């Protein structure tokens, strides 16, 4: 199966920017939709942005106009450009991929997460 590794998290002041990356590796047939999710302490994990293999995107209302999701299929990587960050964006951000395995099964794979902290 595929393994996902997130990078690019860190601490930034309100109004700043960060770019998250998620690289897929391992044995798999193909990757379909990918997405970014986040979870703040004491809250449920929520969808931030998703992107299909064809490039169609969806965003949570709270990040529309500020975040941009993109992917490089040749490099098996998905990105999340985060601009105009707010303290309420503070969370652990997780990468997700719908992966078609070599055995023909479609499974959801999650990265281990990367911390994003926005200070006011």
PDB file of N, CA and C in Angstrom:
ATOM      1  N   UNK A   1       0.830  -1.184   0.000  1.00  0.00           N
ATOM      2  CA  UNK A   1       0.000   0.000   0.000  1.00  0.00           C
ATOM      3  C   UNK A   1       0.872   1.243   0.000  1.00  0.00           C
ATOM      4  N   UNK A   2       0.208   2.398   0.073  1.00  0.00           N
ATOM      5  CA  UNK A   2       0.891   3.678   0.004  1.00  0.00           C
ATOM      6  C   UNK A   2       1.116   4.222   1.408  1.00  0.00           C
ATOM      7  N   UNK A   3       2.201   4.971   1.570  1.00  0.00           N
ATOM      8  CA  UNK A   3       2.468   5.716   2.786  1.00  0.00           C
ATOM      9  C   UNK A   3       2.467   7.202   2.449  1.00  0.00           C
ATOM     10  N   UNK A   4       1.912   8.020   3.349  1.00  0.00           N
ATOM     11  CA  UNK A   4       1.834   9.455   3.153  1.00  0.00           C
ATOM     12  C   UNK A   4       2.647  10.154   4.230  1.00  0.00           C
ATOM     13  N   UNK A   5       3.468  11.108   3.828  1.00  0.00           N
ATOM     14  CA  UNK A   5       4.292  11.863   4.750  1.00  0.00           C
ATOM     15  C   UNK A   5       4.059  13.341   4.513  1.00  0.00           C
ATOM     16  N   UNK A   6       3.544  14.044   5.540  1.00  0.00           N
ATOM     17  CA  UNK A   6       3.306  15.477   5.456  1.00  0.00           C
ATOM     18  C   UNK A   6       4.547  16.247   5.884  1.00  0.00           C
ATOM     19  N   UNK A   7       4.689  17.444   5.343  1.00  0.00           N
ATOM     20  CA  UNK A   7       5.763  18.334   5.735  1.00  0.00           C
ATOM     21  C   UNK A   7       5.318  19.773   5.509  1.00  0.00           C
ATOM     22  N   UNK A   8       6.038  20.710   6.095  1.00  0.00           N
ATOM     23  CA  UNK A   8       5.768  22.116   5.888  1.00  0.00           C
ATOM     24  C   UNK A   8       5.063  22.813   7.029  1.00  0.00           C
ATOM     25  N   UNK A   9       4.676  22.079   8.052  1.00  0.00           N
ATOM     26  CA  UNK A   9       4.033  22.705   9.190  1.00  0.00           C
ATOM     27  C   UNK A   9       5.012  23.517  10.008  1.00  0.00           C
ATOM     28  N   UNK A  10       4.473  24.282  10.936  1.00  0.00           N
ATOM     29  CA  UNK A  10       5.300  25.107  11.784  1.00  0.00           C
ATOM     30  C   UNK A  10       4.487  26.172  12.468  1.00  0.00           C
ATOM     31  N   UNK A  11       5.179  27.148  13.026  1.00  0.00           N
ATOM     32  CA  UNK A  11       4.554  28.262  13.726  1.00  0.00           C
ATOM     33  C   UNK A  11       4.689  29.533  12.913  1.00  0.00           C
ATOM     34  N   UNK A  12       3.607  30.293  12.848  1.00  0.00           N
ATOM     35  CA  UNK A  12       3.594  31.522  12.077  1.00  0.00           C
ATOM     36  C   UNK A  12       2.651  32.509  12.754  1.00  0.00           C
ATOM     37  N   UNK A  13       2.908  33.789  12.568  1.00  0.00           N
ATOM     38  CA  UNK A  13       2.027  34.810  13.105  1.00  0.00           C
ATOM     39  C   UNK A  13       0.806  34.995  12.211  1.00  0.00           C
ATOM     40  N   UNK A  14      -0.264  35.492  12.794  1.00  0.00           N
ATOM     41  CA  UNK A  14      -1.482  35.746  12.039  1.00  0.00           C
ATOM     42  C   UNK A  14      -1.185  36.611  10.821  1.00  0.00           C
ATOM     43  N   UNK A  15      -1.782  36.238   9.702  1.00  0.00           N
ATOM     44  CA  UNK A  15      -1.545  36.930   8.453  1.00  0.00           C
ATOM     45  C   UNK A  15      -0.448  36.316   7.609  1.00  0.00           C
ATOM     46  N   UNK A  16       0.304  35.402   8.178  1.00  0.00           N
ATOM     47  CA  UNK A  16       1.389  34.766   7.463  1.00  0.00           C
ATOM     48  C   UNK A  16       0.921  33.617   6.595  1.00  0.00           C
ATOM     49  N   UNK A  17       1.890  32.930   5.992  1.00  0.00           N
ATOM     50  CA  UNK A  17       1.596  31.849   5.062  1.00  0.00           C
ATOM     51  C   UNK A  17       2.443  30.626   5.363  1.00  0.00           C
ATOM     52  N   UNK A  18       1.910  29.472   5.015  1.00  0.00           N
ATOM     53  CA  UNK A  18       2.624  28.209   5.067  1.00  0.00           C
ATOM     54  C   UNK A  18       2.192  27.374   3.875  1.00  0.00           C
ATOM     55  N   UNK A  19       3.085  26.506   3.426  1.00  0.00           N
ATOM     56  CA  UNK A  19       2.753  25.577   2.361  1.00  0.00           C
ATOM     57  C   UNK A  19       3.023  24.165   2.839  1.00  0.00           C
ATOM     58  N   UNK A  20       1.980  23.359   2.904  1.00  0.00           N
ATOM     59  CA  UNK A  20       2.090  21.977   3.306  1.00  0.00           C
ATOM     60  C   UNK A  20       2.266  21.090   2.079  1.00  0.00           C
ATOM     61  N   UNK A  21       3.054  20.048   2.244  1.00  0.00           N
ATOM     62  CA  UNK A  21       3.257  19.065   1.198  1.00  0.00           C
ATOM     63  C   UNK A  21       2.971  17.684   1.747  1.00  0.00           C
ATOM     64  N   UNK A  22       2.501  16.805   0.895  1.00  0.00           N
ATOM     65  CA  UNK A  22       2.236  15.423   1.265  1.00  0.00           C
ATOM     66  C   UNK A  22       2.713  14.540   0.123  1.00  0.00           C
ATOM     67  N   UNK A  23       3.726  13.746   0.395  1.00  0.00           N
ATOM     68  CA  UNK A  23       4.312  12.873  -0.614  1.00  0.00           C
ATOM     69  C   UNK A  23       3.888  11.431  -0.380  1.00  0.00           C
ATOM     70  N   UNK A  24       3.456  10.783  -1.436  1.00  0.00           N
ATOM     71  CA  UNK A  24       3.046   9.390  -1.377  1.00  0.00           C
ATOM     72  C   UNK A  24       4.165   8.491  -1.867  1.00  0.00           C
ATOM     73  N   UNK A  25       4.335   7.377  -1.206  1.00  0.00           N
ATOM     74  CA  UNK A  25       5.330   6.404  -1.615  1.00  0.00           C
ATOM     75  C   UNK A  25       4.828   5.003  -1.299  1.00  0.00           C
ATOM     76  N   UNK A  26       5.485   4.004  -1.854  1.00  0.00           N
ATOM     77  CA  UNK A  26       5.112   2.628  -1.606  1.00  0.00           C
ATOM     78  C   UNK A  26       4.578   1.945  -2.850  1.00  0.00           C
ATOM     79  N   UNK A  27       3.943   0.812  -2.634  1.00  0.00           N
ATOM     80  CA  UNK A  27       3.414   0.001  -3.723  1.00  0.00           C
ATOM     81  C   UNK A  27       1.911   0.214  -3.825  1.00  0.00           C
ATOM     82  N   UNK A  28       1.468   0.723  -4.963  1.00  0.00           N
ATOM     83  CA  UNK A  28       0.054   0.945  -5.204  1.00  0.00           C
ATOM     84  C   UNK A  28      -0.181   1.060  -6.702  1.00  0.00           C
ATOM     85  N   UNK A  29      -1.433   0.910  -7.094  1.00  0.00           N
ATOM     86  CA  UNK A  29      -1.772   1.008  -8.504  1.00  0.00           C
ATOM     87  C   UNK A  29      -1.969   2.459  -8.927  1.00  0.00           C
ATOM     88  N   UNK A  30      -2.761   3.196  -8.166  1.00  0.00           N
ATOM     89  CA  UNK A  30      -3.018   4.589  -8.487  1.00  0.00           C
ATOM     90  C   UNK A  30      -3.591   5.284  -7.261  1.00  0.00           C
ATOM     91  N   UNK A  31      -3.542   6.600  -7.284  1.00  0.00           N
ATOM     92  CA  UNK A  31      -4.154   7.426  -6.253  1.00  0.00           C
ATOM     93  C   UNK A  31      -5.269   8.244  -6.889  1.00  0.00           C
ATOM     94  N   UNK A  32      -6.433   8.164  -6.291  1.00  0.00           N
ATOM     95  CA  UNK A  32      -7.581   8.894  -6.817  1.00  0.00           C
ATOM     96  C   UNK A  32      -7.668  10.248  -6.112  1.00  0.00           C
ATOM     97  N   UNK A  33      -8.740  10.489  -5.357  1.00  0.00           N
ATOM     98  CA  UNK A  33      -8.873  11.770  -4.674  1.00  0.00           C
ATOM     99  C   UNK A  33      -7.881  11.885  -3.520  1.00  0.00           C
ATOM    100  N   UNK A  34      -7.452  13.102  -3.240  1.00  0.00           N
ATOM    101  CA  UNK A  34      -6.601  13.403  -2.102  1.00  0.00           C
ATOM    102  C   UNK A  34      -7.196  14.589  -1.363  1.00  0.00           C
ATOM    103  N   UNK A  35      -6.829  14.736  -0.104  1.00  0.00           N
ATOM    104  CA  UNK A  35      -7.378  15.839   0.657  1.00  0.00           C
ATOM    105  C   UNK A  35      -6.555  16.180   1.874  1.00  0.00           C
ATOM    106  N   UNK A  36      -6.865  17.341   2.427  1.00  0.00           N
ATOM    107  CA  UNK A  36      -6.283  17.795   3.676  1.00  0.00           C
ATOM    108  C   UNK A  36      -7.383  17.938   4.708  1.00  0.00           C
ATOM    109  N   UNK A  37      -7.135  17.432   5.901  1.00  0.00           N
ATOM    110  CA  UNK A  37      -8.041  17.517   7.029  1.00  0.00           C
ATOM    111  C   UNK A  37      -7.273  18.087   8.205  1.00  0.00           C
ATOM    112  N   UNK A  38      -7.995  18.633   9.182  1.00  0.00           N
ATOM    113  CA  UNK A  38      -7.331  19.161  10.352  1.00  0.00           C
ATOM    114  C   UNK A  38      -8.138  18.849  11.598  1.00  0.00           C
ATOM    115  N   UNK A  39      -7.437  18.795  12.720  1.00  0.00           N
ATOM    116  CA  UNK A  39      -8.067  18.516  13.996  1.00  0.00           C
ATOM    117  C   UNK A  39      -7.411  19.362  15.070  1.00  0.00           C
ATOM    118  N   UNK A  40      -8.207  20.198  15.702  1.00  0.00           N
ATOM    119  CA  UNK A  40      -7.760  21.001  16.826  1.00  0.00           C
ATOM    120  C   UNK A  40      -8.078  20.262  18.120  1.00  0.00           C
ATOM    121  N   UNK A  41      -7.360  20.560  19.204  1.00  0.00           N
ATOM    122  CA  UNK A  41      -7.625  19.878  20.474  1.00  0.00           C
ATOM    123  C   UNK A  41      -9.085  20.008  20.897  1.00  0.00           C
ATOM    124  N   UNK A  42      -9.694  18.889  21.262  1.00  0.00           N
ATOM    125  CA  UNK A  42     -11.068  18.882  21.712  1.00  0.00           C
ATOM    126  C   UNK A  42     -12.106  18.996  20.620  1.00  0.00           C
ATOM    127  N   UNK A  43     -11.696  18.977  19.369  1.00  0.00           N
ATOM    128  CA  UNK A  43     -12.630  19.106  18.261  1.00  0.00           C
ATOM    129  C   UNK A  43     -12.550  17.901  17.333  1.00  0.00           C
ATOM    130  N   UNK A  44     -13.587  17.730  16.534  1.00  0.00           N
ATOM    131  CA  UNK A  44     -13.615  16.665  15.541  1.00  0.00           C
ATOM    132  C   UNK A  44     -12.701  17.014  14.371  1.00  0.00           C
ATOM    133  N   UNK A  45     -12.189  15.990  13.719  1.00  0.00           N
ATOM    134  CA  UNK A  45     -11.419  16.209  12.512  1.00  0.00           C
ATOM    135  C   UNK A  45     -12.350  16.717  11.415  1.00  0.00           C
ATOM    136  N   UNK A  46     -11.931  17.747  10.702  1.00  0.00           N
ATOM    137  CA  UNK A  46     -12.759  18.347   9.676  1.00  0.00           C
ATOM    138  C   UNK A  46     -12.031  18.418   8.348  1.00  0.00           C
ATOM    139  N   UNK A  47     -12.804  18.368   7.278  1.00  0.00           N
ATOM    140  CA  UNK A  47     -12.242  18.496   5.948  1.00  0.00           C
ATOM    141  C   UNK A  47     -11.846  19.935   5.696  1.00  0.00           C
ATOM    142  N   UNK A  48     -10.664  20.124   5.154  1.00  0.00           N
ATOM    143  CA  UNK A  48     -10.182  21.449   4.781  1.00  0.00           C
ATOM    144  C   UNK A  48     -10.302  21.650   3.278  1.00  0.00           C
ATOM    145  N   UNK A  49      -9.776  20.713   2.505  1.00  0.00           N
ATOM    146  CA  UNK A  49      -9.806  20.814   1.057  1.00  0.00           C
ATOM    147  C   UNK A  49      -9.592  19.439   0.456  1.00  0.00           C
ATOM    148  N   UNK A  50     -10.219  19.186  -0.677  1.00  0.00           N
ATOM    149  CA  UNK A  50     -10.027  17.939  -1.404  1.00  0.00           C
ATOM    150  C   UNK A  50      -9.792  18.245  -2.871  1.00  0.00           C
ATOM    151  N   UNK A  51      -9.161  17.298  -3.548  1.00  0.00           N
ATOM    152  CA  UNK A  51      -8.901  17.445  -4.973  1.00  0.00           C
ATOM    153  C   UNK A  51      -8.970  16.067  -5.617  1.00  0.00           C
ATOM    154  N   UNK A  52      -9.683  15.969  -6.728  1.00  0.00           N
ATOM    155  CA  UNK A  52      -9.793  14.710  -7.445  1.00  0.00           C
ATOM    156  C   UNK A  52      -8.586  14.511  -8.338  1.00  0.00           C
ATOM    157  N   UNK A  53      -8.491  13.313  -8.905  1.00  0.00           N
ATOM    158  CA  UNK A  53      -7.392  13.037  -9.816  1.00  0.00           C
ATOM    159  C   UNK A  53      -7.446  13.932 -11.043  1.00  0.00           C
ATOM    160  N   UNK A  54      -8.637  14.416 -11.392  1.00  0.00           N
ATOM    161  CA  UNK A  54      -8.793  15.313 -12.521  1.00  0.00           C
ATOM    162  C   UNK A  54      -8.618  16.777 -12.192  1.00  0.00           C
ATOM    163  N   UNK A  55      -8.422  17.108 -10.911  1.00  0.00           N
ATOM    164  CA  UNK A  55      -8.163  18.477 -10.529  1.00  0.00           C
ATOM    165  C   UNK A  55      -9.343  19.250  -9.982  1.00  0.00           C
ATOM    166  N   UNK A  56     -10.497  18.624  -9.821  1.00  0.00           N
ATOM    167  CA  UNK A  56     -11.647  19.293  -9.233  1.00  0.00           C
ATOM    168  C   UNK A  56     -11.443  19.459  -7.734  1.00  0.00           C
ATOM    169  N   UNK A  57     -11.720  20.651  -7.204  1.00  0.00           N
ATOM    170  CA  UNK A  57     -11.430  20.959  -5.805  1.00  0.00           C
ATOM    171  C   UNK A  57     -12.679  21.331  -5.027  1.00  0.00           C
ATOM    172  N   UNK A  58     -12.605  21.113  -3.720  1.00  0.00           N
ATOM    173  CA  UNK A  58     -13.619  21.555  -2.779  1.00  0.00           C
ATOM    174  C   UNK A  58     -12.917  22.086  -1.538  1.00  0.00           C
ATOM    175  N   UNK A  59     -13.507  23.110  -0.921  1.00  0.00           N
ATOM    176  CA  UNK A  59     -12.923  23.740   0.249  1.00  0.00           C
ATOM    177  C   UNK A  59     -13.968  23.930   1.330  1.00  0.00           C
ATOM    178  N   UNK A  60     -13.516  23.850   2.565  1.00  0.00           N
ATOM    179  CA  UNK A  60     -14.361  24.257   3.668  1.00  0.00           C
ATOM    180  C   UNK A  60     -14.631  25.751   3.574  1.00  0.00           C
ATOM    181  N   UNK A  61     -15.826  26.166   3.980  1.00  0.00           N
ATOM    182  CA  UNK A  61     -16.172  27.581   3.890  1.00  0.00           C
ATOM    183  C   UNK A  61     -15.187  28.465   4.658  1.00  0.00           C
ATOM    184  N   UNK A  62     -14.651  27.959   5.738  1.00  0.00           N
ATOM    185  CA  UNK A  62     -13.775  28.748   6.586  1.00  0.00           C
ATOM    186  C   UNK A  62     -12.432  29.069   5.942  1.00  0.00           C
ATOM    187  N   UNK A  63     -12.061  28.358   4.878  1.00  0.00           N
ATOM    188  CA  UNK A  63     -10.757  28.581   4.258  1.00  0.00           C
ATOM    189  C   UNK A  63     -10.858  29.062   2.821  1.00  0.00           C
ATOM    190  N   UNK A  64     -12.055  29.174   2.284  1.00  0.00           N
ATOM    191  CA  UNK A  64     -12.212  29.622   0.907  1.00  0.00           C
ATOM    192  C   UNK A  64     -11.608  31.010   0.714  1.00  0.00           C
ATOM    193  N   UNK A  65     -10.865  31.160  -0.353  1.00  0.00           N
ATOM    194  CA  UNK A  65     -10.208  32.421  -0.636  1.00  0.00           C
ATOM    195  C   UNK A  65      -8.867  32.584   0.026  1.00  0.00           C
ATOM    196  N   UNK A  66      -8.533  31.707   0.968  1.00  0.00           N
ATOM    197  CA  UNK A  66      -7.257  31.794   1.671  1.00  0.00           C
ATOM    198  C   UNK A  66      -6.348  30.601   1.381  1.00  0.00           C
ATOM    199  N   UNK A  67      -6.937  29.421   1.252  1.00  0.00           N
ATOM    200  CA  UNK A  67      -6.168  28.194   1.024  1.00  0.00           C
ATOM    201  C   UNK A  67      -6.347  27.727  -0.412  1.00  0.00           C
ATOM    202  N   UNK A  68      -5.321  27.085  -0.958  1.00  0.00           N
ATOM    203  CA  UNK A  68      -5.373  26.510  -2.287  1.00  0.00           C
ATOM    204  C   UNK A  68      -4.767  25.119  -2.263  1.00  0.00           C
ATOM    205  N   UNK A  69      -5.525  24.130  -2.726  1.00  0.00           N
ATOM    206  CA  UNK A  69      -5.023  22.775  -2.818  1.00  0.00           C
ATOM    207  C   UNK A  69      -4.615  22.497  -4.257  1.00  0.00           C
ATOM    208  N   UNK A  70      -3.532  21.774  -4.433  1.00  0.00           N
ATOM    209  CA  UNK A  70      -3.063  21.401  -5.757  1.00  0.00           C
ATOM    210  C   UNK A  70      -2.341  20.069  -5.660  1.00  0.00           C
ATOM    211  N   UNK A  71      -2.067  19.469  -6.803  1.00  0.00           N
ATOM    212  CA  UNK A  71      -1.359  18.195  -6.795  1.00  0.00           C
ATOM    213  C   UNK A  71      -0.467  18.078  -8.017  1.00  0.00           C
ATOM    214  N   UNK A  72       0.574  17.303  -7.856  1.00  0.00           N
ATOM    215  CA  UNK A  72       1.485  16.973  -8.934  1.00  0.00           C
ATOM    216  C   UNK A  72       1.436  15.462  -9.076  1.00  0.00           C
ATOM    217  N   UNK A  73       0.661  14.986 -10.028  1.00  0.00           N
ATOM    218  CA  UNK A  73       0.465  13.550 -10.175  1.00  0.00           C
ATOM    219  C   UNK A  73       1.759  12.828 -10.531  1.00  0.00           C
ATOM    220  N   UNK A  74       2.616  13.473 -11.298  1.00  0.00           N
ATOM    221  CA  UNK A  74       3.874  12.845 -11.677  1.00  0.00           C
ATOM    222  C   UNK A  74       4.768  12.603 -10.477  1.00  0.00           C
ATOM    223  N   UNK A  75       4.674  13.468  -9.472  1.00  0.00           N
ATOM    224  CA  UNK A  75       5.494  13.342  -8.272  1.00  0.00           C
ATOM    225  C   UNK A  75       4.730  12.736  -7.100  1.00  0.00           C
ATOM    226  N   UNK A  76       3.477  12.355  -7.322  1.00  0.00           N
ATOM    227  CA  UNK A  76       2.655  11.738  -6.275  1.00  0.00           C
ATOM    228  C   UNK A  76       2.594  12.612  -5.030  1.00  0.00           C
ATOM    229  N   UNK A  77       2.350  13.890  -5.231  1.00  0.00           N
ATOM    230  CA  UNK A  77       2.388  14.857  -4.151  1.00  0.00           C
ATOM    231  C   UNK A  77       1.178  15.779  -4.214  1.00  0.00           C
ATOM    232  N   UNK A  78       0.623  16.113  -3.051  1.00  0.00           N
ATOM    233  CA  UNK A  78      -0.446  17.082  -2.936  1.00  0.00           C
ATOM    234  C   UNK A  78       0.033  18.210  -2.038  1.00  0.00           C
ATOM    235  N   UNK A  79      -0.407  19.435  -2.328  1.00  0.00           N
ATOM    236  CA  UNK A  79       0.034  20.613  -1.606  1.00  0.00           C
ATOM    237  C   UNK A  79      -1.169  21.357  -1.039  1.00  0.00           C
ATOM    238  N   UNK A  80      -0.918  22.119  -0.003  1.00  0.00           N
ATOM    239  CA  UNK A  80      -1.914  23.034   0.537  1.00  0.00           C
ATOM    240  C   UNK A  80      -1.217  24.362   0.819  1.00  0.00           C
ATOM    241  N   UNK A  81      -1.493  25.353  -0.014  1.00  0.00           N
ATOM    242  CA  UNK A  81      -0.968  26.692   0.196  1.00  0.00           C
ATOM    243  C   UNK A  81      -1.926  27.438   1.107  1.00  0.00           C
ATOM    244  N   UNK A  82      -1.442  27.886   2.251  1.00  0.00           N
ATOM    245  CA  UNK A  82      -2.266  28.542   3.250  1.00  0.00           C
ATOM    246  C   UNK A  82      -1.797  29.982   3.403  1.00  0.00           C
ATOM    247  N   UNK A  83      -2.651  30.920   3.031  1.00  0.00           N
ATOM    248  CA  UNK A  83      -2.363  32.337   3.142  1.00  0.00           C
ATOM    249  C   UNK A  83      -3.312  32.989   4.137  1.00  0.00           C
ATOM    250  N   UNK A  84      -2.944  34.175   4.588  1.00  0.00           N
ATOM    251  CA  UNK A  84      -3.769  34.936   5.529  1.00  0.00           C
ATOM    252  C   UNK A  84      -4.201  34.077   6.706  1.00  0.00           C
ATOM    253  N   UNK A  85      -3.252  33.389   7.297  1.00  0.00           N
ATOM    254  CA  UNK A  85      -3.556  32.455   8.374  1.00  0.00           C
ATOM    255  C   UNK A  85      -4.113  33.174   9.593  1.00  0.00           C
ATOM    256  N   UNK A  86      -5.038  32.503  10.256  1.00  0.00           N
ATOM    257  CA  UNK A  86      -5.693  33.009  11.446  1.00  0.00           C
ATOM    258  C   UNK A  86      -5.425  32.073  12.616  1.00  0.00           C
ATOM    259  N   UNK A  87      -5.509  32.574  13.845  1.00  0.00           N
ATOM    260  CA  UNK A  87      -5.305  31.693  15.000  1.00  0.00           C
ATOM    261  C   UNK A  87      -6.230  30.483  14.998  1.00  0.00           C
ATOM    262  N   UNK A  88      -7.441  30.622  14.488  1.00  0.00           N
ATOM    263  CA  UNK A  88      -8.368  29.502  14.448  1.00  0.00           C
ATOM    264  C   UNK A  88      -7.968  28.430  13.445  1.00  0.00           C
ATOM    265  N   UNK A  89      -6.942  28.680  12.638  1.00  0.00           N
ATOM    266  CA  UNK A  89      -6.404  27.654  11.751  1.00  0.00           C
ATOM    267  C   UNK A  89      -5.460  26.704  12.476  1.00  0.00           C
ATOM    268  N   UNK A  90      -5.125  27.008  13.715  1.00  0.00           N
ATOM    269  CA  UNK A  90      -4.221  26.166  14.481  1.00  0.00           C
ATOM    270  C   UNK A  90      -4.806  24.769  14.650  1.00  0.00           C
ATOM    271  N   UNK A  91      -4.055  23.762  14.236  1.00  0.00           N
ATOM    272  CA  UNK A  91      -4.513  22.380  14.292  1.00  0.00           C
ATOM    273  C   UNK A  91      -3.403  21.474  13.786  1.00  0.00           C
ATOM    274  N   UNK A  92      -3.621  20.173  13.945  1.00  0.00           N
ATOM    275  CA  UNK A  92      -2.797  19.189  13.264  1.00  0.00           C
ATOM    276  C   UNK A  92      -3.444  18.918  11.915  1.00  0.00           C
ATOM    277  N   UNK A  93      -2.675  19.047  10.862  1.00  0.00           N
ATOM    278  CA  UNK A  93      -3.175  18.863   9.513  1.00  0.00           C
ATOM    279  C   UNK A  93      -2.761  17.497   8.993  1.00  0.00           C
ATOM    280  N   UNK A  94      -3.736  16.750   8.478  1.00  0.00           N
ATOM    281  CA  UNK A  94      -3.522  15.398   7.998  1.00  0.00           C
ATOM    282  C   UNK A  94      -3.788  15.309   6.500  1.00  0.00           C
ATOM    283  N   UNK A  95      -2.951  14.573   5.824  1.00  0.00           N
ATOM    284  CA  UNK A  95      -3.133  14.275   4.415  1.00  0.00           C
ATOM    285  C   UNK A  95      -3.891  12.963   4.271  1.00  0.00           C
ATOM    286  N   UNK A  96      -4.780  12.902   3.303  1.00  0.00           N
ATOM    287  CA  UNK A  96      -5.554  11.698   3.025  1.00  0.00           C
ATOM    288  C   UNK A  96      -5.508  11.397   1.538  1.00  0.00           C
ATOM    289  N   UNK A  97      -5.489  10.111   1.206  1.00  0.00           N
ATOM    290  CA  UNK A  97      -5.501   9.695  -0.191  1.00  0.00           C
ATOM    291  C   UNK A  97      -6.364   8.460  -0.363  1.00  0.00           C
ATOM    292  N   UNK A  98      -7.214   8.491  -1.370  1.00  0.00           N
ATOM    293  CA  UNK A  98      -7.968   7.309  -1.772  1.00  0.00           C
ATOM    294  C   UNK A  98      -7.094   6.535  -2.745  1.00  0.00           C
ATOM    295  N   UNK A  99      -6.624   5.371  -2.307  1.00  0.00           N
ATOM    296  CA  UNK A  99      -5.588   4.642  -3.014  1.00  0.00           C
ATOM    297  C   UNK A  99      -6.121   3.328  -3.573  1.00  0.00           C
ATOM    298  N   UNK A 100      -5.849   3.087  -4.838  1.00  0.00           N
ATOM    299  CA  UNK A 100      -6.159   1.812  -5.471  1.00  0.00           C
ATOM    300  C   UNK A 100      -4.933   0.923  -5.326  1.00  0.00           C
ATOM    301  N   UNK A 101      -5.083  -0.167  -4.584  1.00  0.00           N
ATOM    302  CA  UNK A 101      -3.951  -1.049  -4.322  1.00  0.00           C
ATOM    303  C   UNK A 101      -3.681  -1.951  -5.508  1.00  0.00           C
ATOM    304  N   UNK A 102      -2.542  -2.620  -5.462  1.00  0.00           N
ATOM    305  CA  UNK A 102      -2.179  -3.546  -6.523  1.00  0.00           C
ATOM    306  C   UNK A 102      -3.127  -4.738  -6.587  1.00  0.00           C
ATOM    307  N   UNK A 103      -3.777  -5.063  -5.475  1.00  0.00           N
ATOM    308  CA  UNK A 103      -4.732  -6.160  -5.441  1.00  0.00           C
ATOM    309  C   UNK A 103      -6.129  -5.749  -5.879  1.00  0.00           C
ATOM    310  N   UNK A 104      -6.321  -4.471  -6.216  1.00  0.00           N
ATOM    311  CA  UNK A 104      -7.586  -4.015  -6.738  1.00  0.00           C
ATOM    312  C   UNK A 104      -8.528  -3.383  -5.733  1.00  0.00           C
ATOM    313  N   UNK A 105      -8.115  -3.221  -4.496  1.00  0.00           N
ATOM    314  CA  UNK A 105      -8.954  -2.611  -3.478  1.00  0.00           C
ATOM    315  C   UNK A 105      -8.695  -1.109  -3.400  1.00  0.00           C
ATOM    316  N   UNK A 106      -9.726  -0.363  -3.070  1.00  0.00           N
ATOM    317  CA  UNK A 106      -9.603   1.065  -2.840  1.00  0.00           C
ATOM    318  C   UNK A 106      -9.672   1.324  -1.343  1.00  0.00           C
ATOM    319  N   UNK A 107      -8.635   1.938  -0.793  1.00  0.00           N
ATOM    320  CA  UNK A 107      -8.559   2.183   0.641  1.00  0.00           C
ATOM    321  C   UNK A 107      -8.193   3.635   0.893  1.00  0.00           C
ATOM    322  N   UNK A 108      -8.634   4.137   2.040  1.00  0.00           N
ATOM    323  CA  UNK A 108      -8.243   5.470   2.476  1.00  0.00           C
ATOM    324  C   UNK A 108      -6.977   5.364   3.315  1.00  0.00           C
ATOM    325  N   UNK A 109      -5.987   6.154   2.974  1.00  0.00           N
ATOM    326  CA  UNK A 109      -4.711   6.168   3.667  1.00  0.00           C
ATOM    327  C   UNK A 109      -4.506   7.548   4.278  1.00  0.00           C
ATOM    328  N   UNK A 110      -4.017   7.573   5.502  1.00  0.00           N
ATOM    329  CA  UNK A 110      -3.798   8.816   6.236  1.00  0.00           C
ATOM    330  C   UNK A 110      -2.333   9.000   6.577  1.00  0.00           C
ATOM    331  N   UNK A 111      -1.872  10.233   6.494  1.00  0.00           N
ATOM    332  CA  UNK A 111      -0.567  10.567   7.014  1.00  0.00           C
ATOM    333  C   UNK A 111      -0.614  10.718   8.516  1.00  0.00           C
ATOM    334  N   UNK A 112       0.543  10.924   9.115  1.00  0.00           N
ATOM    335  CA  UNK A 112       0.624  11.046  10.569  1.00  0.00           C
ATOM    336  C   UNK A 112       0.339  12.453  11.065  1.00  0.00           C
ATOM    337  N   UNK A 113       0.295  13.423  10.190  1.00  0.00           N
ATOM    338  CA  UNK A 113      -0.072  14.778  10.556  1.00  0.00           C
ATOM    339  C   UNK A 113       1.121  15.693  10.742  1.00  0.00           C
ATOM    340  N   UNK A 114       0.876  16.983  10.567  1.00  0.00           N
ATOM    341  CA  UNK A 114       1.879  18.009  10.803  1.00  0.00           C
ATOM    342  C   UNK A 114       1.214  19.173  11.527  1.00  0.00           C
ATOM    343  N   UNK A 115       1.884  19.694  12.540  1.00  0.00           N
ATOM    344  CA  UNK A 115       1.318  20.737  13.378  1.00  0.00           C
ATOM    345  C   UNK A 115       1.435  22.103  12.711  1.00  0.00           C
ATOM    346  N   UNK A 116       0.337  22.842  12.720  1.00  0.00           N
ATOM    347  CA  UNK A 116       0.309  24.231  12.280  1.00  0.00           C
ATOM    348  C   UNK A 116      -0.178  25.077  13.446  1.00  0.00           C
ATOM    349  N   UNK A 117       0.628  26.043  13.840  1.00  0.00           N
ATOM    350  CA  UNK A 117       0.283  26.918  14.950  1.00  0.00           C
ATOM    351  C   UNK A 117       0.336  28.362  14.477  1.00  0.00           C
ATOM    352  N   UNK A 118      -0.766  29.079  14.649  1.00  0.00           N
ATOM    353  CA  UNK A 118      -0.873  30.475  14.227  1.00  0.00           C
ATOM    354  C   UNK A 118      -1.090  31.325  15.469  1.00  0.00           C
ATOM    355  N   UNK A 119      -0.186  32.238  15.723  1.00  0.00           N
ATOM    356  CA  UNK A 119      -0.266  33.090  16.893  1.00  0.00           C
ATOM    357  C   UNK A 119      -0.798  34.465  16.517  1.00  0.00           C
ATOM    358  N   UNK A 120      -1.460  35.115  17.457  1.00  0.00           N
ATOM    359  CA  UNK A 120      -2.021  36.433  17.223  1.00  0.00           C
ATOM    360  C   UNK A 120      -1.106  37.520  17.741  1.00  0.00           C
TER     361      UNK A 120
END
